[in-house]
Amino acid sequence: MGQYRAGAALHDARHSSEGTSRAKGRARTVPPMQRMVMVLDCLENRKNYGAMAQKYAIAYHQIYRWVQRYLQDGWLGMNDRRGPADDPDSAGEWGKIAPAGEADAELWVAKCKGVPEALPAMLRRAGYSWMMIAKILFDLARM
C-alpha cells in the first residue's frame, strides 16, 4: 500500500514468468533424441517413472506420457506434434543416404553429430539393428 501511495508501479507476479521454472533456466522443450534416452532408460528400469522424473528433473506425467507414446507409436512418438508437419518425402531422402550394410550403418551412427552418447547403446540393448538405429537417428534429427 505504501508503494502505491508513493507512486511506484505495482507488479502483478501472476501474469509474468519470473516465478516459473522456465524463467529459472529450464528449457521449454526437450529434444526428441534426449526424450528417447529418457524413455529407454525408464523402460530399462522397469517403468520407474518417479525415479526417472527425479533423475532428469522433469515432471512425472511427462515421462509417463513419453513412454506411453513410445510403446504405442515407437520412436515416431517422440515428436511432440506441434508446429507444421514435415514434408512427406522423408523416405526418399533416407533412401539417398542410407548405409549399405550393418557395418556401414554402425560407422554412420558413430559419425552422427548431436546424438546423446548413451542412445546408440540403449537402442542396441532394446534389440534394434544398426540399420534401424541409423534410421531412428535420422528420423529423430528431422523432428
N, C-alpha and C. Protein backbone atom coordinates (compact mmCIF):
# COMPACT_ATOMS: atom_id res chain seq x y z
N MET A 1 0.82 -1.18 0.00
CA MET A 1 0.00 0.00 0.00
C MET A 1 0.87 1.25 0.00
N GLY A 2 1.97 1.18 0.74
CA GLY A 2 2.87 2.32 0.80
C GLY A 2 3.50 2.60 -0.54
N GLN A 3 3.82 1.55 -1.29
CA GLN A 3 4.41 1.73 -2.62
C GLN A 3 3.41 2.38 -3.56
N TYR A 4 2.15 2.03 -3.43
CA TYR A 4 1.12 2.61 -4.28
C TYR A 4 0.96 4.10 -4.02
N ARG A 5 0.95 4.46 -2.77
CA ARG A 5 0.82 5.88 -2.41
C ARG A 5 2.04 6.69 -2.84
N ALA A 6 3.21 6.03 -2.86
CA ALA A 6 4.44 6.72 -3.25
C ALA A 6 4.54 6.86 -4.76
N GLY A 7 3.63 6.27 -5.51
CA GLY A 7 3.63 6.40 -6.95
C GLY A 7 4.44 5.35 -7.67
N ALA A 8 4.92 4.35 -6.94
CA ALA A 8 5.70 3.27 -7.58
C ALA A 8 4.75 2.36 -8.37
N ALA A 9 5.25 1.82 -9.45
CA ALA A 9 4.46 0.91 -10.28
C ALA A 9 4.28 -0.41 -9.54
N LEU A 10 3.08 -0.90 -9.54
CA LEU A 10 2.83 -2.20 -8.93
C LEU A 10 3.12 -3.30 -9.94
N HIS A 11 3.54 -4.42 -9.42
CA HIS A 11 3.88 -5.55 -10.28
C HIS A 11 3.04 -6.75 -9.87
N ASP A 12 2.32 -7.31 -10.81
CA ASP A 12 1.49 -8.48 -10.55
C ASP A 12 2.23 -9.71 -11.05
N ALA A 13 2.73 -10.53 -10.13
CA ALA A 13 3.55 -11.69 -10.49
C ALA A 13 2.74 -12.81 -11.12
N ARG A 14 1.42 -12.74 -11.03
CA ARG A 14 0.61 -13.82 -11.61
C ARG A 14 0.68 -13.86 -13.12
N HIS A 15 1.01 -12.75 -13.76
CA HIS A 15 0.99 -12.69 -15.21
C HIS A 15 2.39 -12.56 -15.80
N SER A 16 3.38 -13.00 -15.08
CA SER A 16 4.74 -12.95 -15.60
C SER A 16 5.38 -14.32 -15.47
N SER A 17 6.52 -14.46 -16.07
CA SER A 17 7.21 -15.75 -15.99
C SER A 17 8.36 -15.71 -14.99
N GLU A 18 8.41 -14.68 -14.14
CA GLU A 18 9.53 -14.58 -13.21
C GLU A 18 9.56 -15.73 -12.22
N GLY A 19 8.43 -16.23 -11.83
CA GLY A 19 8.40 -17.28 -10.83
C GLY A 19 8.32 -18.68 -11.41
N THR A 20 8.26 -18.81 -12.70
CA THR A 20 8.11 -20.13 -13.29
C THR A 20 9.46 -20.81 -13.45
N SER A 21 9.42 -22.10 -13.62
CA SER A 21 10.67 -22.85 -13.77
C SER A 21 11.38 -22.49 -15.07
N ARG A 22 10.61 -22.09 -16.09
CA ARG A 22 11.23 -21.72 -17.36
C ARG A 22 12.11 -20.48 -17.18
N ALA A 23 11.68 -19.56 -16.34
CA ALA A 23 12.45 -18.35 -16.10
C ALA A 23 13.74 -18.67 -15.33
N LYS A 24 13.77 -19.79 -14.65
CA LYS A 24 14.95 -20.17 -13.88
C LYS A 24 15.95 -20.96 -14.71
N GLY A 25 15.79 -21.00 -16.00
CA GLY A 25 16.77 -21.63 -16.86
C GLY A 25 16.36 -22.95 -17.47
N ARG A 26 15.19 -23.44 -17.17
CA ARG A 26 14.77 -24.72 -17.74
C ARG A 26 14.30 -24.51 -19.16
N ALA A 27 14.75 -25.35 -20.05
CA ALA A 27 14.36 -25.23 -21.45
C ALA A 27 12.87 -25.54 -21.61
N ARG A 28 12.28 -24.97 -22.62
CA ARG A 28 10.85 -25.17 -22.85
C ARG A 28 10.56 -26.58 -23.36
N THR A 29 11.36 -27.07 -24.27
CA THR A 29 11.12 -28.41 -24.80
C THR A 29 12.38 -29.25 -24.70
N VAL A 30 12.19 -30.52 -24.69
CA VAL A 30 13.29 -31.47 -24.65
C VAL A 30 13.45 -32.02 -26.06
N PRO A 31 14.67 -32.00 -26.61
CA PRO A 31 14.86 -32.52 -27.97
C PRO A 31 14.45 -34.00 -28.07
N PRO A 32 13.97 -34.42 -29.22
CA PRO A 32 13.50 -35.80 -29.37
C PRO A 32 14.55 -36.86 -29.04
N MET A 33 15.82 -36.61 -29.35
CA MET A 33 16.84 -37.62 -29.03
C MET A 33 17.01 -37.76 -27.53
N GLN A 34 16.93 -36.65 -26.81
CA GLN A 34 17.03 -36.72 -25.35
C GLN A 34 15.80 -37.39 -24.76
N ARG A 35 14.63 -37.15 -25.36
CA ARG A 35 13.42 -37.85 -24.91
C ARG A 35 13.58 -39.35 -25.06
N MET A 36 14.17 -39.75 -26.18
CA MET A 36 14.36 -41.17 -26.44
C MET A 36 15.27 -41.79 -25.38
N VAL A 37 16.32 -41.07 -24.99
CA VAL A 37 17.21 -41.57 -23.94
C VAL A 37 16.43 -41.76 -22.64
N MET A 38 15.61 -40.78 -22.29
CA MET A 38 14.83 -40.85 -21.06
C MET A 38 13.84 -42.02 -21.09
N VAL A 39 13.19 -42.20 -22.22
CA VAL A 39 12.21 -43.28 -22.35
C VAL A 39 12.88 -44.64 -22.25
N LEU A 40 13.98 -44.83 -22.97
CA LEU A 40 14.67 -46.13 -22.92
C LEU A 40 15.24 -46.39 -21.54
N ASP A 41 15.74 -45.35 -20.87
CA ASP A 41 16.23 -45.51 -19.50
C ASP A 41 15.09 -45.91 -18.58
N CYS A 42 13.93 -45.32 -18.76
CA CYS A 42 12.76 -45.65 -17.95
C CYS A 42 12.34 -47.10 -18.18
N LEU A 43 12.34 -47.53 -19.43
CA LEU A 43 11.95 -48.91 -19.73
C LEU A 43 12.98 -49.91 -19.18
N GLU A 44 14.27 -49.54 -19.24
CA GLU A 44 15.30 -50.41 -18.67
C GLU A 44 15.17 -50.53 -17.15
N ASN A 45 14.60 -49.52 -16.52
CA ASN A 45 14.41 -49.52 -15.07
C ASN A 45 12.99 -49.91 -14.68
N ARG A 46 12.37 -50.72 -15.48
CA ARG A 46 11.03 -51.28 -15.24
C ARG A 46 9.97 -50.23 -14.99
N LYS A 47 9.98 -49.20 -15.83
CA LYS A 47 8.97 -48.12 -15.81
C LYS A 47 8.89 -47.42 -14.46
N ASN A 48 10.04 -47.15 -13.87
CA ASN A 48 10.07 -46.41 -12.61
C ASN A 48 10.01 -44.92 -12.93
N TYR A 49 8.80 -44.43 -13.17
CA TYR A 49 8.60 -43.06 -13.63
C TYR A 49 9.08 -42.03 -12.61
N GLY A 50 8.85 -42.30 -11.35
CA GLY A 50 9.25 -41.36 -10.30
C GLY A 50 10.75 -41.16 -10.25
N ALA A 51 11.50 -42.25 -10.33
CA ALA A 51 12.96 -42.16 -10.31
C ALA A 51 13.48 -41.44 -11.55
N MET A 52 12.86 -41.70 -12.70
CA MET A 52 13.31 -41.03 -13.92
C MET A 52 12.97 -39.54 -13.90
N ALA A 53 11.83 -39.21 -13.32
CA ALA A 53 11.45 -37.79 -13.20
C ALA A 53 12.46 -37.05 -12.34
N GLN A 54 12.90 -37.67 -11.27
CA GLN A 54 13.91 -37.04 -10.42
C GLN A 54 15.27 -37.01 -11.10
N LYS A 55 15.65 -38.10 -11.75
CA LYS A 55 16.96 -38.19 -12.40
C LYS A 55 17.12 -37.12 -13.47
N TYR A 56 16.08 -36.92 -14.28
CA TYR A 56 16.17 -35.99 -15.41
C TYR A 56 15.53 -34.63 -15.12
N ALA A 57 15.03 -34.41 -13.91
CA ALA A 57 14.41 -33.15 -13.49
C ALA A 57 13.26 -32.74 -14.42
N ILE A 58 12.37 -33.70 -14.66
CA ILE A 58 11.17 -33.43 -15.44
C ILE A 58 9.96 -33.90 -14.64
N ALA A 59 8.78 -33.56 -15.10
CA ALA A 59 7.56 -33.95 -14.40
C ALA A 59 7.26 -35.43 -14.61
N TYR A 60 6.69 -36.05 -13.58
CA TYR A 60 6.32 -37.46 -13.63
C TYR A 60 5.41 -37.73 -14.82
N HIS A 61 4.38 -36.88 -14.99
CA HIS A 61 3.40 -37.11 -16.06
C HIS A 61 4.05 -37.00 -17.44
N GLN A 62 5.11 -36.19 -17.53
CA GLN A 62 5.77 -36.02 -18.83
C GLN A 62 6.50 -37.29 -19.25
N ILE A 63 7.28 -37.88 -18.36
CA ILE A 63 7.98 -39.12 -18.71
C ILE A 63 6.97 -40.24 -18.93
N TYR A 64 5.89 -40.25 -18.15
CA TYR A 64 4.85 -41.26 -18.35
C TYR A 64 4.25 -41.13 -19.75
N ARG A 65 3.94 -39.90 -20.16
CA ARG A 65 3.35 -39.67 -21.48
C ARG A 65 4.30 -40.09 -22.60
N TRP A 66 5.59 -39.77 -22.46
CA TRP A 66 6.56 -40.13 -23.50
C TRP A 66 6.70 -41.64 -23.62
N VAL A 67 6.71 -42.34 -22.48
CA VAL A 67 6.82 -43.81 -22.52
C VAL A 67 5.59 -44.40 -23.19
N GLN A 68 4.41 -43.89 -22.86
CA GLN A 68 3.20 -44.41 -23.48
C GLN A 68 3.18 -44.16 -24.98
N ARG A 69 3.64 -43.00 -25.42
CA ARG A 69 3.72 -42.71 -26.86
C ARG A 69 4.73 -43.64 -27.54
N TYR A 70 5.85 -43.88 -26.87
CA TYR A 70 6.86 -44.78 -27.44
C TYR A 70 6.29 -46.19 -27.58
N LEU A 71 5.59 -46.65 -26.56
CA LEU A 71 5.02 -48.00 -26.62
C LEU A 71 3.94 -48.11 -27.69
N GLN A 72 3.25 -47.01 -27.95
CA GLN A 72 2.18 -47.02 -28.95
C GLN A 72 2.71 -46.78 -30.36
N ASP A 73 3.57 -45.76 -30.53
CA ASP A 73 4.00 -45.33 -31.86
C ASP A 73 5.47 -45.58 -32.18
N GLY A 74 6.22 -46.15 -31.26
CA GLY A 74 7.65 -46.34 -31.48
C GLY A 74 8.39 -45.01 -31.40
N TRP A 75 9.54 -44.95 -32.05
CA TRP A 75 10.34 -43.73 -31.97
C TRP A 75 9.65 -42.53 -32.61
N LEU A 76 8.71 -42.75 -33.50
CA LEU A 76 7.99 -41.63 -34.10
C LEU A 76 7.10 -40.92 -33.08
N GLY A 77 6.81 -41.57 -31.97
CA GLY A 77 6.04 -40.95 -30.90
C GLY A 77 6.82 -39.91 -30.12
N MET A 78 8.11 -39.79 -30.37
CA MET A 78 8.93 -38.79 -29.67
C MET A 78 8.70 -37.39 -30.22
N ASN A 79 8.02 -37.29 -31.35
CA ASN A 79 7.67 -35.98 -31.91
C ASN A 79 6.53 -35.41 -31.09
N ASP A 80 6.64 -34.13 -30.71
CA ASP A 80 5.58 -33.55 -29.88
C ASP A 80 4.38 -33.09 -30.70
N ARG A 81 4.43 -33.23 -32.00
CA ARG A 81 3.32 -32.98 -32.92
C ARG A 81 2.85 -31.53 -32.95
N ARG A 82 3.68 -30.61 -32.49
CA ARG A 82 3.33 -29.20 -32.58
C ARG A 82 4.03 -28.61 -33.80
N GLY A 83 3.46 -27.59 -34.35
CA GLY A 83 4.07 -26.93 -35.49
C GLY A 83 3.70 -27.60 -36.80
N PRO A 84 4.25 -27.09 -37.90
CA PRO A 84 3.92 -27.65 -39.21
C PRO A 84 4.50 -29.05 -39.38
N ALA A 85 3.80 -29.87 -40.12
CA ALA A 85 4.26 -31.23 -40.38
C ALA A 85 5.41 -31.22 -41.37
N ASP A 86 6.29 -32.22 -41.25
CA ASP A 86 7.40 -32.34 -42.18
C ASP A 86 6.90 -32.72 -43.57
N ASP A 87 7.76 -32.53 -44.55
CA ASP A 87 7.39 -32.93 -45.90
C ASP A 87 7.26 -34.45 -45.95
N PRO A 88 6.34 -34.96 -46.73
CA PRO A 88 6.07 -36.39 -46.73
C PRO A 88 7.15 -37.23 -47.42
N ASP A 89 8.13 -36.61 -48.05
CA ASP A 89 9.12 -37.37 -48.82
C ASP A 89 10.39 -37.66 -48.02
N SER A 90 10.26 -37.84 -46.70
CA SER A 90 11.45 -38.14 -45.91
C SER A 90 11.99 -39.53 -46.25
N ALA A 91 11.13 -40.46 -46.68
CA ALA A 91 11.59 -41.80 -47.06
C ALA A 91 12.52 -41.72 -48.26
N GLY A 92 12.22 -40.86 -49.22
CA GLY A 92 13.08 -40.70 -50.38
C GLY A 92 14.42 -40.12 -50.00
N GLU A 93 14.42 -39.18 -49.07
CA GLU A 93 15.66 -38.58 -48.60
C GLU A 93 16.51 -39.61 -47.86
N TRP A 94 15.87 -40.46 -47.05
CA TRP A 94 16.61 -41.51 -46.34
C TRP A 94 17.19 -42.50 -47.33
N GLY A 95 16.46 -42.81 -48.38
CA GLY A 95 16.96 -43.75 -49.38
C GLY A 95 18.24 -43.29 -50.05
N LYS A 96 18.43 -41.98 -50.14
CA LYS A 96 19.64 -41.45 -50.77
C LYS A 96 20.87 -41.58 -49.89
N ILE A 97 20.69 -41.52 -48.57
CA ILE A 97 21.86 -41.53 -47.68
C ILE A 97 21.96 -42.78 -46.82
N ALA A 98 21.04 -43.72 -46.98
CA ALA A 98 21.02 -44.92 -46.15
C ALA A 98 22.30 -45.73 -46.32
N PRO A 99 22.87 -46.23 -45.21
CA PRO A 99 24.05 -47.08 -45.30
C PRO A 99 23.73 -48.40 -45.99
N ALA A 100 24.76 -49.00 -46.58
CA ALA A 100 24.56 -50.22 -47.37
C ALA A 100 24.38 -51.46 -46.50
N GLY A 101 25.10 -51.57 -45.40
CA GLY A 101 25.01 -52.76 -44.57
C GLY A 101 25.17 -52.42 -43.10
N GLU A 102 25.21 -53.47 -42.27
CA GLU A 102 25.30 -53.27 -40.83
C GLU A 102 26.60 -52.56 -40.43
N ALA A 103 27.72 -52.94 -41.03
CA ALA A 103 29.00 -52.31 -40.69
C ALA A 103 28.99 -50.83 -41.08
N ASP A 104 28.47 -50.53 -42.26
CA ASP A 104 28.37 -49.13 -42.69
C ASP A 104 27.42 -48.34 -41.79
N ALA A 105 26.35 -48.98 -41.37
CA ALA A 105 25.39 -48.31 -40.51
C ALA A 105 26.01 -48.00 -39.15
N GLU A 106 26.82 -48.92 -38.64
CA GLU A 106 27.48 -48.67 -37.35
C GLU A 106 28.44 -47.49 -37.45
N LEU A 107 29.17 -47.40 -38.56
CA LEU A 107 30.06 -46.26 -38.78
C LEU A 107 29.26 -44.97 -38.95
N TRP A 108 28.14 -45.04 -39.65
CA TRP A 108 27.29 -43.88 -39.87
C TRP A 108 26.78 -43.35 -38.54
N VAL A 109 26.36 -44.27 -37.66
CA VAL A 109 25.85 -43.87 -36.34
C VAL A 109 26.97 -43.23 -35.52
N ALA A 110 28.16 -43.79 -35.59
CA ALA A 110 29.29 -43.24 -34.83
C ALA A 110 29.64 -41.83 -35.29
N LYS A 111 29.43 -41.53 -36.56
CA LYS A 111 29.77 -40.21 -37.10
C LYS A 111 28.66 -39.17 -36.90
N CYS A 112 27.49 -39.60 -36.48
CA CYS A 112 26.37 -38.66 -36.30
C CYS A 112 26.70 -37.66 -35.21
N LYS A 113 26.42 -36.41 -35.51
CA LYS A 113 26.65 -35.35 -34.54
C LYS A 113 25.35 -35.03 -33.81
N GLY A 114 25.49 -34.63 -32.55
CA GLY A 114 24.32 -34.24 -31.77
C GLY A 114 23.56 -35.39 -31.16
N VAL A 115 24.11 -36.60 -31.23
CA VAL A 115 23.45 -37.77 -30.66
C VAL A 115 23.95 -37.95 -29.23
N PRO A 116 23.04 -38.07 -28.26
CA PRO A 116 23.50 -38.35 -26.89
C PRO A 116 24.34 -39.62 -26.86
N GLU A 117 25.40 -39.59 -26.09
CA GLU A 117 26.37 -40.69 -26.07
C GLU A 117 25.74 -42.04 -25.74
N ALA A 118 24.77 -42.06 -24.85
CA ALA A 118 24.18 -43.32 -24.40
C ALA A 118 23.14 -43.88 -25.36
N LEU A 119 22.63 -43.08 -26.28
CA LEU A 119 21.50 -43.50 -27.11
C LEU A 119 21.77 -44.73 -27.98
N PRO A 120 22.85 -44.79 -28.75
CA PRO A 120 23.05 -45.99 -29.57
C PRO A 120 23.15 -47.28 -28.75
N ALA A 121 23.84 -47.23 -27.62
CA ALA A 121 23.95 -48.43 -26.78
C ALA A 121 22.59 -48.84 -26.21
N MET A 122 21.78 -47.86 -25.84
CA MET A 122 20.44 -48.17 -25.32
C MET A 122 19.56 -48.80 -26.39
N LEU A 123 19.67 -48.27 -27.61
CA LEU A 123 18.89 -48.84 -28.71
C LEU A 123 19.35 -50.27 -29.03
N ARG A 124 20.65 -50.53 -28.94
CA ARG A 124 21.15 -51.89 -29.17
C ARG A 124 20.60 -52.83 -28.10
N ARG A 125 20.60 -52.38 -26.83
CA ARG A 125 20.06 -53.22 -25.75
C ARG A 125 18.57 -53.45 -25.94
N ALA A 126 17.89 -52.51 -26.60
CA ALA A 126 16.45 -52.66 -26.86
C ALA A 126 16.20 -53.63 -28.01
N GLY A 127 17.25 -54.05 -28.71
CA GLY A 127 17.11 -55.06 -29.75
C GLY A 127 17.11 -54.53 -31.17
N TYR A 128 17.44 -53.28 -31.38
CA TYR A 128 17.47 -52.72 -32.73
C TYR A 128 18.78 -53.05 -33.43
N SER A 129 18.72 -53.26 -34.75
CA SER A 129 19.93 -53.46 -35.55
C SER A 129 20.56 -52.10 -35.84
N TRP A 130 21.80 -52.10 -36.32
CA TRP A 130 22.48 -50.84 -36.63
C TRP A 130 21.77 -50.10 -37.76
N MET A 131 21.23 -50.84 -38.71
CA MET A 131 20.47 -50.20 -39.80
C MET A 131 19.25 -49.47 -39.25
N MET A 132 18.56 -50.10 -38.31
CA MET A 132 17.37 -49.49 -37.73
C MET A 132 17.76 -48.31 -36.84
N ILE A 133 18.86 -48.42 -36.12
CA ILE A 133 19.33 -47.32 -35.28
C ILE A 133 19.65 -46.10 -36.15
N ALA A 134 20.29 -46.34 -37.29
CA ALA A 134 20.61 -45.24 -38.20
C ALA A 134 19.32 -44.56 -38.68
N LYS A 135 18.31 -45.34 -39.02
CA LYS A 135 17.02 -44.78 -39.46
C LYS A 135 16.35 -44.00 -38.33
N ILE A 136 16.41 -44.54 -37.12
CA ILE A 136 15.82 -43.85 -35.97
C ILE A 136 16.50 -42.51 -35.74
N LEU A 137 17.83 -42.50 -35.76
CA LEU A 137 18.56 -41.24 -35.56
C LEU A 137 18.25 -40.23 -36.65
N PHE A 138 18.12 -40.71 -37.88
CA PHE A 138 17.77 -39.84 -39.00
C PHE A 138 16.39 -39.20 -38.75
N ASP A 139 15.42 -40.02 -38.36
CA ASP A 139 14.07 -39.51 -38.10
C ASP A 139 14.04 -38.55 -36.93
N LEU A 140 14.75 -38.90 -35.84
CA LEU A 140 14.75 -38.04 -34.66
C LEU A 140 15.42 -36.70 -34.95
N ALA A 141 16.44 -36.71 -35.78
CA ALA A 141 17.12 -35.46 -36.14
C ALA A 141 16.21 -34.54 -36.94
N ARG A 142 15.28 -35.11 -37.69
CA ARG A 142 14.36 -34.31 -38.52
C ARG A 142 13.18 -33.76 -37.73
N MET A 143 12.95 -34.27 -36.53
CA MET A 143 11.78 -33.83 -35.73
C MET A 143 12.01 -32.45 -35.16
